[in-house]
Each structure stands twice: as structure tokens, then as C-alpha cells.
Amino acid sequence: MLDIMKAVIDRFVDGELAVLLVGEEEKEYNVPIKDLPQGAKEGSIVNVTITDGTIVALQLLLEETNAQQNRMNEKLNQLKSRKRSNFKRN
């Protein structure tokens, strides 16, 4: 069975593996860093193709990654701008 799902690169482990959180359930998959698409980093959003429980292809979704990063930056700036914010102001 072939499934294509969205995933986020959650973290890197020991400089060798990337931990991906796949789908709404955020199921963890470990992928060798060398198999990631060029330009992929922690927080990147990717499409993964899964066959028989194994990731067989990855595609970087650069526009979605950038849009997500922009939303997170906007929320962080809103928190920083509050008078009683616990976040440091620059």
C-alpha cells in the first residue's frame, strides 16, 4: 500500500538520523540525514511516501515550511510585545 502524507522534521539525532513526525498522529519515523532532500532542516515540512510502513521518498515543501515559520514568528512577536510578557525583548 502506498501512502503520501505530510511530515515535519522534528530533530536530528547523533548527526546521523532525522526524526520525522508523520501525519496528524505524529507517528515517528527515523530517516538517515543523507536521505533528506537538499535544504531540509529541523522544522521543515515534507511530503513522505510510505510503502509497507517504510518511507521510500521525501519531498521538501519549501513554501509551506516558510509560511509556517512566518506564522510562528508573528505569534512570537505578539507575545514579546505584551506588556507583561515573560519573553525577553530585543
C-alpha atoms as a PDB file:
ATOM      1  CA  MET A   1       0.000   0.000   0.000  1.00  0.00           C
ATOM      2  CA  LEU A   2       1.299   3.443  -0.972  1.00  0.00           C
ATOM      3  CA  ASP A   3       0.562   6.481   1.218  1.00  0.00           C
ATOM      4  CA  ILE A   4       1.652  10.095   0.731  1.00  0.00           C
ATOM      5  CA  MET A   5       1.494  12.158   3.901  1.00  0.00           C
ATOM      6  CA  LYS A   6       2.858  15.381   5.321  1.00  0.00           C
ATOM      7  CA  ALA A   7       5.542  15.286   7.963  1.00  0.00           C
ATOM      8  CA  VAL A   8       7.746  17.663   9.892  1.00  0.00           C
ATOM      9  CA  ILE A   9      11.417  17.130  10.615  1.00  0.00           C
ATOM     10  CA  ASP A  10      11.355  17.216  14.407  1.00  0.00           C
ATOM     11  CA  ARG A  11      15.020  16.780  15.289  1.00  0.00           C
ATOM     12  CA  PHE A  12      18.367  15.279  14.398  1.00  0.00           C
ATOM     13  CA  VAL A  13      19.904  12.506  16.497  1.00  0.00           C
ATOM     14  CA  ASP A  14      23.661  11.875  16.745  1.00  0.00           C
ATOM     15  CA  GLY A  15      24.292  13.705  13.477  1.00  0.00           C
ATOM     16  CA  GLU A  16      23.086  10.639  11.582  1.00  0.00           C
ATOM     17  CA  LEU A  17      19.300  10.362  11.845  1.00  0.00           C
ATOM     18  CA  ALA A  18      16.391  12.721  11.349  1.00  0.00           C
ATOM     19  CA  VAL A  19      13.232  12.093  13.371  1.00  0.00           C
ATOM     20  CA  LEU A  20      10.117  12.823  11.320  1.00  0.00           C
ATOM     21  CA  LEU A  21       6.643  13.238  12.794  1.00  0.00           C
ATOM     22  CA  VAL A  22       4.254  11.941  10.144  1.00  0.00           C
ATOM     23  CA  GLY A  23       0.565  12.723   9.781  1.00  0.00           C
ATOM     24  CA  GLU A  24      -1.898  14.047  12.320  1.00  0.00           C
ATOM     25  CA  GLU A  25      -0.963  11.223  14.700  1.00  0.00           C
ATOM     26  CA  GLU A  26       2.677  12.409  14.500  1.00  0.00           C
ATOM     27  CA  LYS A  27       3.985   8.866  14.163  1.00  0.00           C
ATOM     28  CA  GLU A  28       7.777   8.867  14.495  1.00  0.00           C
ATOM     29  CA  TYR A  29      10.000   7.637  11.696  1.00  0.00           C
ATOM     30  CA  ASN A  30      13.809   7.705  11.675  1.00  0.00           C
ATOM     31  CA  VAL A  31      15.463   8.560   8.375  1.00  0.00           C
ATOM     32  CA  PRO A  32      19.194   8.854   7.642  1.00  0.00           C
ATOM     33  CA  ILE A  33      20.100  12.539   7.273  1.00  0.00           C
ATOM     34  CA  LYS A  34      21.817  11.734   3.971  1.00  0.00           C
ATOM     35  CA  ASP A  35      18.391  10.721   2.562  1.00  0.00           C
ATOM     36  CA  LEU A  36      16.746  14.095   3.294  1.00  0.00           C
ATOM     37  CA  PRO A  37      16.004  16.493   0.444  1.00  0.00           C
ATOM     38  CA  GLN A  38      18.595  19.217  -0.092  1.00  0.00           C
ATOM     39  CA  GLY A  39      17.832  22.243   2.095  1.00  0.00           C
ATOM     40  CA  ALA A  40      15.800  20.284   4.644  1.00  0.00           C
ATOM     41  CA  LYS A  41      16.392  21.182   8.304  1.00  0.00           C
ATOM     42  CA  GLU A  42      14.674  20.915  11.668  1.00  0.00           C
ATOM     43  CA  GLY A  43      11.155  22.276  11.329  1.00  0.00           C
ATOM     44  CA  SER A  44      10.957  21.666   7.567  1.00  0.00           C
ATOM     45  CA  ILE A  45       7.693  20.300   6.212  1.00  0.00           C
ATOM     46  CA  VAL A  46       7.995  17.415   3.765  1.00  0.00           C
ATOM     47  CA  ASN A  47       5.788  15.036   1.835  1.00  0.00           C
ATOM     48  CA  VAL A  48       6.680  11.447   2.608  1.00  0.00           C
ATOM     49  CA  THR A  49       5.783   8.448   0.507  1.00  0.00           C
ATOM     50  CA  ILE A  50       5.314   5.362   2.656  1.00  0.00           C
ATOM     51  CA  THR A  51       5.175   1.822   1.290  1.00  0.00           C
ATOM     52  CA  ASP A  52       4.590  -1.101   3.639  1.00  0.00           C
ATOM     53  CA  GLY A  53       5.482   1.023   6.673  1.00  0.00           C
ATOM     54  CA  THR A  54       8.747   2.318   5.207  1.00  0.00           C
ATOM     55  CA  ILE A  55       9.475   5.825   3.920  1.00  0.00           C
ATOM     56  CA  VAL A  56      10.586   5.438   0.314  1.00  0.00           C
ATOM     57  CA  ALA A  57      10.557   9.095  -0.855  1.00  0.00           C
ATOM     58  CA  LEU A  58      10.746  12.594   0.625  1.00  0.00           C
ATOM     59  CA  GLN A  59       9.895  15.936  -0.973  1.00  0.00           C
ATOM     60  CA  LEU A  60      10.643  19.284   0.685  1.00  0.00           C
ATOM     61  CA  LEU A  61       7.623  21.621   0.806  1.00  0.00           C
ATOM     62  CA  LEU A  62       9.528  24.895   0.929  1.00  0.00           C
ATOM     63  CA  GLU A  63       6.532  27.248   0.587  1.00  0.00           C
ATOM     64  CA  GLU A  64       4.646  25.521   3.409  1.00  0.00           C
ATOM     65  CA  THR A  65       7.764  25.491   5.579  1.00  0.00           C
ATOM     66  CA  ASN A  66       8.298  29.226   5.038  1.00  0.00           C
ATOM     67  CA  ALA A  67       4.628  30.017   5.701  1.00  0.00           C
ATOM     68  CA  GLN A  68       4.707  28.019   8.960  1.00  0.00           C
ATOM     69  CA  GLN A  69       7.902  29.781  10.057  1.00  0.00           C
ATOM     70  CA  ASN A  70       6.324  33.174   9.332  1.00  0.00           C
ATOM     71  CA  ARG A  71       3.235  32.289  11.406  1.00  0.00           C
ATOM     72  CA  MET A  72       5.427  31.196  14.311  1.00  0.00           C
ATOM     73  CA  ASN A  73       7.499  34.402  14.121  1.00  0.00           C
ATOM     74  CA  GLU A  74       4.341  36.541  14.112  1.00  0.00           C
ATOM     75  CA  LYS A  75       2.988  34.768  17.208  1.00  0.00           C
ATOM     76  CA  LEU A  76       6.322  35.114  18.993  1.00  0.00           C
ATOM     77  CA  ASN A  77       6.438  38.835  18.182  1.00  0.00           C
ATOM     78  CA  GLN A  78       2.900  39.240  19.555  1.00  0.00           C
ATOM     79  CA  LEU A  79       3.956  37.544  22.793  1.00  0.00           C
ATOM     80  CA  LYS A  80       7.082  39.699  23.053  1.00  0.00           C
ATOM     81  CA  SER A  81       5.087  42.886  22.548  1.00  0.00           C
ATOM     82  CA  ARG A  82       2.764  42.271  25.515  1.00  0.00           C
ATOM     83  CA  LYS A  83       3.493  44.486  28.498  1.00  0.00           C
ATOM     84  CA  ARG A  84       3.660  41.597  30.934  1.00  0.00           C
ATOM     85  CA  SER A  85       5.464  39.203  28.619  1.00  0.00           C
ATOM     86  CA  ASN A  86       7.788  36.606  30.100  1.00  0.00           C
ATOM     87  CA  PHE A  87       9.768  36.625  26.842  1.00  0.00           C
ATOM     88  CA  LYS A  88      12.862  38.789  26.557  1.00  0.00           C
ATOM     89  CA  ARG A  89      12.511  41.825  24.398  1.00  0.00           C
ATOM     90  CA  ASN A  90      15.284  42.620  21.964  1.00  0.00           C
END
